[in-house]
Protein backbone atom coordinates (compact mmCIF):
# COMPACT_ATOMS: atom_id res chain seq x y z
CA UNK A 1 -22.96 6.74 15.09
CA UNK A 2 -24.34 8.89 12.29
CA UNK A 3 -22.15 11.05 9.99
CA UNK A 4 -22.88 13.71 7.05
CA UNK A 5 -23.97 12.55 3.61
CA UNK A 6 -22.89 14.80 0.76
CA UNK A 7 -24.33 14.91 -2.67
CA UNK A 8 -22.00 15.20 -5.65
CA UNK A 9 -22.09 18.92 -5.51
CA UNK A 10 -20.51 18.81 -2.01
CA UNK A 11 -23.90 19.93 -0.29
CA UNK A 12 -25.36 18.14 2.81
CA UNK A 13 -28.08 16.05 1.81
CA UNK A 14 -28.75 13.87 5.11
CA UNK A 15 -27.06 11.33 7.32
CA UNK A 16 -25.77 8.02 6.90
CA UNK A 17 -25.03 5.40 9.68
CA UNK A 18 -21.51 4.26 10.35
CA UNK A 19 -20.95 1.09 12.48
CA UNK A 20 -19.24 2.30 16.10
CA UNK A 21 -17.33 -1.16 15.65
CA UNK A 22 -15.74 -0.07 12.43
CA UNK A 23 -15.40 3.83 12.50
CA UNK A 24 -15.28 4.61 16.26
CA UNK A 25 -12.96 2.31 18.20
CA UNK A 26 -9.72 2.87 19.93
CA UNK A 27 -7.05 2.68 17.29
CA UNK A 28 -4.57 -0.32 17.87
CA UNK A 29 -1.25 1.30 16.69
CA UNK A 30 0.44 -2.30 17.14
CA UNK A 31 -1.86 -3.98 14.73
CA UNK A 32 -1.39 -1.04 12.18
CA UNK A 33 2.34 -1.56 12.72
CA UNK A 34 2.41 -5.09 12.00
CA UNK A 35 -0.03 -4.63 9.01
CA UNK A 36 2.13 -1.99 7.53
CA UNK A 37 5.44 -4.17 8.01
CA UNK A 38 3.60 -7.08 6.40
CA UNK A 39 2.34 -5.25 3.30
CA UNK A 40 5.93 -3.56 2.75
CA UNK A 41 7.64 -6.90 3.24
CA UNK A 42 5.47 -8.82 0.97
CA UNK A 43 6.10 -6.15 -1.89
CA UNK A 44 9.91 -7.01 -1.70
CA UNK A 45 10.93 -8.97 -4.89
CA UNK A 46 13.93 -10.76 -3.29
CA UNK A 47 15.69 -11.04 -6.40
CA UNK A 48 19.03 -9.57 -5.40
CA UNK A 49 21.78 -12.23 -6.41
CA UNK A 50 25.55 -12.10 -6.29
CA UNK A 51 27.95 -14.69 -7.43
CA UNK A 52 30.23 -16.37 -4.97
CA UNK A 53 34.03 -17.63 -5.56
CA UNK A 54 32.73 -20.87 -6.99
CA UNK A 55 30.27 -18.92 -9.45
CA UNK A 56 32.48 -16.60 -11.05
CA UNK A 57 34.31 -17.08 -14.42
CA UNK A 58 37.87 -17.84 -14.06
CA UNK A 59 40.28 -20.70 -13.63
CA UNK A 60 41.03 -22.41 -10.59
CA UNK A 61 44.58 -22.55 -11.44
CA UNK A 62 47.19 -20.89 -8.78
CA UNK A 63 48.15 -17.43 -10.12
CA UNK A 64 51.91 -17.86 -8.96
CA UNK A 65 54.13 -20.13 -6.81
CA UNK A 66 53.53 -20.10 -2.99
CA UNK A 67 57.06 -19.10 -2.08
CA UNK A 68 59.96 -16.80 -3.25
CA UNK A 69 57.82 -14.01 -4.87
CA UNK A 70 57.52 -11.73 -1.84
CA UNK A 71 53.73 -11.42 -2.52
CA UNK A 72 50.91 -12.56 -0.36
CA UNK A 73 49.96 -16.31 -0.94
CA UNK A 74 47.14 -16.73 -3.20
CA UNK A 75 45.41 -19.82 -4.40
CA UNK A 76 42.84 -18.68 -6.98
CA UNK A 77 42.13 -15.33 -8.98
CA UNK A 78 38.44 -16.12 -7.85
CA UNK A 79 39.08 -15.07 -4.25
CA UNK A 80 36.78 -12.39 -2.99
CA UNK A 81 39.77 -10.07 -2.41
CA UNK A 82 40.77 -10.09 -5.94
CA UNK A 83 39.52 -7.68 -8.56
CA UNK A 84 36.86 -9.73 -10.66
CA UNK A 85 36.47 -12.46 -7.81
CA UNK A 86 33.59 -13.63 -6.13
CA UNK A 87 31.29 -11.65 -3.45
CA UNK A 88 31.79 -12.78 0.15
CA UNK A 89 28.52 -13.27 1.91
CA UNK A 90 26.51 -11.34 -0.67
CA UNK A 91 22.67 -11.61 -1.19
CA UNK A 92 21.05 -14.55 -2.93
CA UNK A 93 17.31 -14.76 -3.77
CA UNK A 94 15.03 -15.19 -0.98
CA UNK A 95 11.50 -14.76 0.05
CA UNK A 96 10.65 -11.69 2.41
CA UNK A 97 6.88 -12.82 2.63
CA UNK A 98 5.16 -12.59 6.26
CA UNK A 99 1.77 -13.83 7.04
CA UNK A 100 -0.56 -11.83 9.23
CA UNK A 101 -3.46 -13.20 10.88
CA UNK A 102 -6.61 -12.20 9.35
CA UNK A 103 -8.26 -10.67 12.68
CA UNK A 104 -5.18 -8.56 12.99
CA UNK A 105 -5.42 -7.24 9.49
CA UNK A 106 -9.15 -6.52 9.93
CA UNK A 107 -8.28 -4.67 13.16
CA UNK A 108 -5.70 -2.48 11.43
CA UNK A 109 -8.11 -1.41 8.75
CA UNK A 110 -11.01 -0.60 11.41
CA UNK A 111 -8.21 1.14 13.48
CA UNK A 112 -7.19 3.45 10.52
CA UNK A 113 -10.77 4.19 9.47
CA UNK A 114 -11.57 5.16 12.86
CA UNK A 115 -8.41 7.47 12.94
CA UNK A 116 -9.45 9.17 9.82
CA UNK A 117 -13.13 9.62 10.99
CA UNK A 118 -11.60 10.99 14.31
CA UNK A 119 -9.53 13.67 12.44
CA UNK A 120 -12.58 14.67 10.06
CA UNK A 121 -10.71 13.26 7.06
CA UNK A 122 -13.65 11.08 6.04
CA UNK A 123 -16.46 11.92 3.75
CA UNK A 124 -19.45 9.92 2.63
CA UNK A 125 -20.96 10.73 -0.54
CA UNK A 126 -24.22 9.41 -2.24
CA UNK A 127 -23.89 6.82 -4.92
CA UNK A 128 -23.24 8.34 -8.41
CA UNK A 129 -22.24 7.19 -11.81
CA UNK A 130 -19.95 9.29 -14.37
CA UNK A 131 -21.88 8.38 -17.52
CA UNK A 132 -19.46 9.95 -19.64
CA UNK A 133 -16.45 8.24 -18.06
CA UNK A 134 -14.51 11.33 -18.62
CA UNK A 135 -11.74 12.53 -15.95
CA UNK A 136 -13.02 16.08 -16.19
CA UNK A 137 -16.37 15.27 -15.04
CA UNK A 138 -15.10 13.26 -12.04
CA UNK A 139 -12.90 15.91 -11.19
CA UNK A 140 -15.69 18.47 -10.92
CA UNK A 141 -17.37 15.93 -8.28
CA UNK A 142 -14.12 15.36 -6.55
CA UNK A 143 -12.92 18.76 -6.03
CA UNK A 144 -16.46 19.62 -4.50
CA UNK A 145 -15.84 16.75 -1.88
CA UNK A 146 -12.07 17.08 -1.05
CA UNK A 147 -10.70 20.14 0.77
CA UNK A 148 -7.79 21.84 -1.46
CA UNK A 149 -5.02 21.28 1.10
CA UNK A 150 -5.89 17.67 1.21
CA UNK A 151 -5.52 16.99 -2.69
CA UNK A 152 -2.39 15.07 -2.59
CA UNK A 153 -3.15 11.41 -1.65
CA UNK A 154 -6.97 10.87 -1.68
CA UNK A 155 -8.81 7.74 -1.36
CA UNK A 156 -12.12 7.24 -3.32
CA UNK A 157 -13.70 4.11 -1.84
CA UNK A 158 -16.59 2.55 -3.79
CA UNK A 159 -17.79 -0.62 -4.74
CA UNK A 160 -16.59 -2.87 -7.73
CA UNK A 161 -19.89 -2.22 -9.52
CA UNK A 162 -19.10 1.03 -11.49
CA UNK A 163 -16.58 0.67 -14.39
CA UNK A 164 -17.39 4.21 -15.55
CA UNK A 165 -16.18 5.70 -12.26
CA UNK A 166 -13.02 3.53 -12.27
CA UNK A 167 -12.35 4.62 -15.86
CA UNK A 168 -12.94 8.16 -15.18
CA UNK A 169 -10.67 8.54 -11.94
CA UNK A 170 -7.63 7.13 -13.77
CA UNK A 171 -5.77 10.00 -14.61
CA UNK A 172 -6.31 12.13 -11.71
CA UNK A 173 -2.72 12.04 -10.05
CA UNK A 174 -3.88 12.94 -6.51
CA UNK A 175 -6.80 10.42 -6.50
CA UNK A 176 -6.73 6.60 -6.00
CA UNK A 177 -9.81 4.36 -6.74
CA UNK A 178 -10.45 1.59 -4.40
CA UNK A 179 -13.04 -1.41 -3.91
CA UNK A 180 -14.35 -1.28 -0.51
CA UNK A 181 -14.09 -5.10 -0.23
CA UNK A 182 -10.22 -4.89 -1.18
CA UNK A 183 -8.76 -2.26 1.08
CA UNK A 184 -5.11 -2.22 2.39
CA UNK A 185 -3.56 -0.76 5.45
CA UNK A 186 -0.67 1.12 3.62
CA UNK A 187 -2.95 3.28 1.27
CA UNK A 188 -5.52 3.77 3.99
CA UNK A 189 -2.67 4.99 6.64
CA UNK A 190 -1.02 7.45 3.96
CA UNK A 191 -4.42 8.87 2.89
CA UNK A 192 -4.84 12.64 3.32
CA UNK A 193 -8.59 12.12 2.90
CA UNK A 194 -11.13 9.25 2.40
CA UNK A 195 -14.15 9.63 0.36
CA UNK A 196 -16.85 6.68 0.48
CA UNK A 197 -19.75 6.07 -1.37
CA UNK A 198 -22.86 4.93 0.52
CA UNK A 199 -22.56 1.38 -0.95
CA UNK A 200 -19.07 0.97 0.36
CA UNK A 201 -20.22 2.10 3.76
CA UNK A 202 -22.58 -0.65 3.79
CA UNK A 203 -19.94 -2.96 2.75
CA UNK A 204 -17.55 -1.89 5.42
CA UNK A 205 -20.12 -1.85 8.22
CA UNK A 206 -20.79 -5.39 7.53
CA UNK A 207 -17.45 -6.89 6.56
CA UNK A 208 -15.57 -5.39 9.67
CA UNK A 209 -17.98 -5.92 12.29
CA UNK A 210 -16.41 -7.53 15.23
């Protein structure tokens, strides 16, 4: 399929080919769900830790005699039911990492690209470079391409070739810069609009075919 190609002023310049196997498939919601769950789980640090009764500081001495006091029996001040005692069944450091098959991850990316394309939330712009590397100059390009009501979480997808563009986009609060070869499901899914360069489209057409 073909889609409109825009210049940096937001004017139509021609068309560019989008691979149907990448940008026009029936979205697989299960693949998107498992990819999102995997990325969120892999971001967890798993460093939560509590001390059990054998780890808290304190004496193992019996606090008072077994009988004759009228109080409940107690063998140690480190018991979980005592103030300052250990925690019963508390969390310990662990890994939450989940492995997702490569083909399922690719399917999730293709599904989201197809969803955004079907909802008219995807634009392709000609390759360009902000020679000055200034955020102000990049903003003038971005505002001509992105609808005003979509300027919340826009993804600008380019190749890793252009360091000046990467530098210029750093301070735009509603815009994130991504390399086409390193996309992830979460940022794609929650994006309010996608802006791709011609070079990025070529990479996606080749990388995610089939």
